[in-house]
Amino acid sequence: MSNDELKVFLKYLFAFLWLAAWDGAWLIGMTLGLAFSGNPDASSPLEWVQFGLTISPLLLIGALPIVILLRNRSKQTAKKNSPGESDW
């Protein structure tokens, strides 16, 4: 793996982990908000956890085509440019 490929891989890995962390923070925030709201009509925190565990993988899987398209685009751009003129 070349140095440029490693940089691109690390950027996509960081973006993937950032999305996963944001999704986890949203789930924790919603769960705590419902747990301490005192509203008896609100969904239980367990339902929000189940919802989050269901939707989180779907959001991450949904992001994969975007990552693949961006990766292919960056490869095409790298082929057009000289090694020193990469977009990254």
C-alpha atoms as a PDB file:
ATOM      1  CA  MET A   1       0.000   0.000   0.000  1.00  0.00           C
ATOM      2  CA  SER A   2       1.505   3.292  -1.050  1.00  0.00           C
ATOM      3  CA  ASN A   3       1.661   6.358   1.140  1.00  0.00           C
ATOM      4  CA  ASP A   4      -1.154   8.096  -0.787  1.00  0.00           C
ATOM      5  CA  GLU A   5      -3.418   5.053  -0.540  1.00  0.00           C
ATOM      6  CA  LEU A   6      -2.747   4.879   3.189  1.00  0.00           C
ATOM      7  CA  LYS A   7      -3.707   8.545   3.605  1.00  0.00           C
ATOM      8  CA  VAL A   8      -6.961   8.030   1.706  1.00  0.00           C
ATOM      9  CA  PHE A   9      -7.738   4.878   3.680  1.00  0.00           C
ATOM     10  CA  LEU A  10      -7.163   6.677   6.981  1.00  0.00           C
ATOM     11  CA  LYS A  11      -9.409   9.562   5.923  1.00  0.00           C
ATOM     12  CA  TYR A  12     -12.253   7.192   5.057  1.00  0.00           C
ATOM     13  CA  LEU A  13     -11.701   5.246   8.274  1.00  0.00           C
ATOM     14  CA  PHE A  14     -11.860   8.488  10.250  1.00  0.00           C
ATOM     15  CA  ALA A  15     -15.072   9.517   8.459  1.00  0.00           C
ATOM     16  CA  PHE A  16     -16.636   6.123   9.154  1.00  0.00           C
ATOM     17  CA  LEU A  17     -15.680   6.249  12.845  1.00  0.00           C
ATOM     18  CA  TRP A  18     -16.916   9.858  13.089  1.00  0.00           C
ATOM     19  CA  LEU A  19     -20.323   8.796  11.753  1.00  0.00           C
ATOM     20  CA  ALA A  20     -20.449   5.858  14.162  1.00  0.00           C
ATOM     21  CA  ALA A  21     -19.528   8.096  17.112  1.00  0.00           C
ATOM     22  CA  TRP A  22     -22.131  10.699  16.150  1.00  0.00           C
ATOM     23  CA  ASP A  23     -24.776   8.007  15.846  1.00  0.00           C
ATOM     24  CA  GLY A  24     -23.813   6.556  19.235  1.00  0.00           C
ATOM     25  CA  ALA A  25     -23.918   9.986  20.865  1.00  0.00           C
ATOM     26  CA  TRP A  26     -27.387  10.604  19.418  1.00  0.00           C
ATOM     27  CA  LEU A  27     -28.600   7.267  20.762  1.00  0.00           C
ATOM     28  CA  ILE A  28     -27.200   7.917  24.250  1.00  0.00           C
ATOM     29  CA  GLY A  29     -28.645  11.443  24.305  1.00  0.00           C
ATOM     30  CA  MET A  30     -32.105  10.303  23.285  1.00  0.00           C
ATOM     31  CA  THR A  31     -32.047   7.449  25.784  1.00  0.00           C
ATOM     32  CA  LEU A  32     -31.003   9.681  28.674  1.00  0.00           C
ATOM     33  CA  GLY A  33     -33.469  12.374  27.650  1.00  0.00           C
ATOM     34  CA  LEU A  34     -36.341   9.929  27.696  1.00  0.00           C
ATOM     35  CA  ALA A  35     -35.168   8.246  30.876  1.00  0.00           C
ATOM     36  CA  PHE A  36     -35.220  11.512  32.820  1.00  0.00           C
ATOM     37  CA  SER A  37     -38.142  13.243  31.090  1.00  0.00           C
ATOM     38  CA  GLY A  38     -40.726  11.927  33.532  1.00  0.00           C
ATOM     39  CA  ASN A  39     -43.270  11.712  30.722  1.00  0.00           C
ATOM     40  CA  PRO A  40     -45.229   8.473  31.142  1.00  0.00           C
ATOM     41  CA  ASP A  41     -46.418   8.640  27.517  1.00  0.00           C
ATOM     42  CA  ALA A  42     -42.885   8.712  26.128  1.00  0.00           C
ATOM     43  CA  SER A  43     -41.354   5.574  24.676  1.00  0.00           C
ATOM     44  CA  SER A  44     -39.234   3.628  27.098  1.00  0.00           C
ATOM     45  CA  PRO A  45     -35.457   4.059  26.912  1.00  0.00           C
ATOM     46  CA  LEU A  46     -35.191   0.386  25.992  1.00  0.00           C
ATOM     47  CA  GLU A  47     -37.290   1.027  22.877  1.00  0.00           C
ATOM     48  CA  TRP A  48     -34.916   3.829  21.876  1.00  0.00           C
ATOM     49  CA  VAL A  49     -31.926   1.546  22.416  1.00  0.00           C
ATOM     50  CA  GLN A  50     -33.544  -1.106  20.232  1.00  0.00           C
ATOM     51  CA  PHE A  51     -34.327   1.521  17.592  1.00  0.00           C
ATOM     52  CA  GLY A  52     -30.768   2.826  17.705  1.00  0.00           C
ATOM     53  CA  LEU A  53     -29.274  -0.630  17.428  1.00  0.00           C
ATOM     54  CA  THR A  54     -31.505  -1.273  14.433  1.00  0.00           C
ATOM     55  CA  ILE A  55     -30.892   2.005  12.611  1.00  0.00           C
ATOM     56  CA  SER A  56     -27.153   2.402  13.345  1.00  0.00           C
ATOM     57  CA  PRO A  57     -25.969  -0.411  11.062  1.00  0.00           C
ATOM     58  CA  LEU A  58     -28.394   0.759   8.386  1.00  0.00           C
ATOM     59  CA  LEU A  59     -26.957   4.285   8.489  1.00  0.00           C
ATOM     60  CA  LEU A  60     -23.416   2.975   8.307  1.00  0.00           C
ATOM     61  CA  ILE A  61     -24.244   0.571   5.475  1.00  0.00           C
ATOM     62  CA  GLY A  62     -26.057   3.393   3.683  1.00  0.00           C
ATOM     63  CA  ALA A  63     -22.882   5.476   3.828  1.00  0.00           C
ATOM     64  CA  LEU A  64     -20.799   2.789   2.102  1.00  0.00           C
ATOM     65  CA  PRO A  65     -21.915   3.577  -1.488  1.00  0.00           C
ATOM     66  CA  ILE A  66     -20.973   7.217  -0.936  1.00  0.00           C
ATOM     67  CA  VAL A  67     -17.560   6.185   0.359  1.00  0.00           C
ATOM     68  CA  ILE A  68     -17.045   3.851  -2.602  1.00  0.00           C
ATOM     69  CA  LEU A  69     -18.037   6.552  -5.093  1.00  0.00           C
ATOM     70  CA  LEU A  70     -15.695   9.072  -3.477  1.00  0.00           C
ATOM     71  CA  ARG A  71     -12.887   6.537  -3.417  1.00  0.00           C
ATOM     72  CA  ASN A  72     -13.324   5.758  -7.125  1.00  0.00           C
ATOM     73  CA  ARG A  73     -13.416   9.473  -7.895  1.00  0.00           C
ATOM     74  CA  SER A  74     -10.212  10.058  -5.946  1.00  0.00           C
ATOM     75  CA  LYS A  75      -8.505   7.212  -7.825  1.00  0.00           C
ATOM     76  CA  GLN A  76      -9.524   8.732 -11.166  1.00  0.00           C
ATOM     77  CA  THR A  77      -8.306  12.155 -10.072  1.00  0.00           C
ATOM     78  CA  ALA A  78      -5.012  10.691  -8.883  1.00  0.00           C
ATOM     79  CA  LYS A  79      -4.500   9.054 -12.292  1.00  0.00           C
ATOM     80  CA  LYS A  80      -5.079  12.381 -14.073  1.00  0.00           C
ATOM     81  CA  ASN A  81      -2.812  14.420 -11.804  1.00  0.00           C
ATOM     82  CA  SER A  82       0.867  13.980 -11.292  1.00  0.00           C
ATOM     83  CA  PRO A  83       1.820  12.362  -7.953  1.00  0.00           C
ATOM     84  CA  GLY A  84       2.569  15.749  -6.371  1.00  0.00           C
ATOM     85  CA  GLU A  85      -0.754  17.350  -7.345  1.00  0.00           C
ATOM     86  CA  SER A  86      -3.227  15.095  -5.553  1.00  0.00           C
ATOM     87  CA  ASP A  87      -6.539  16.555  -4.383  1.00  0.00           C
ATOM     88  CA  TRP A  88      -5.949  15.163  -0.935  1.00  0.00           C
END
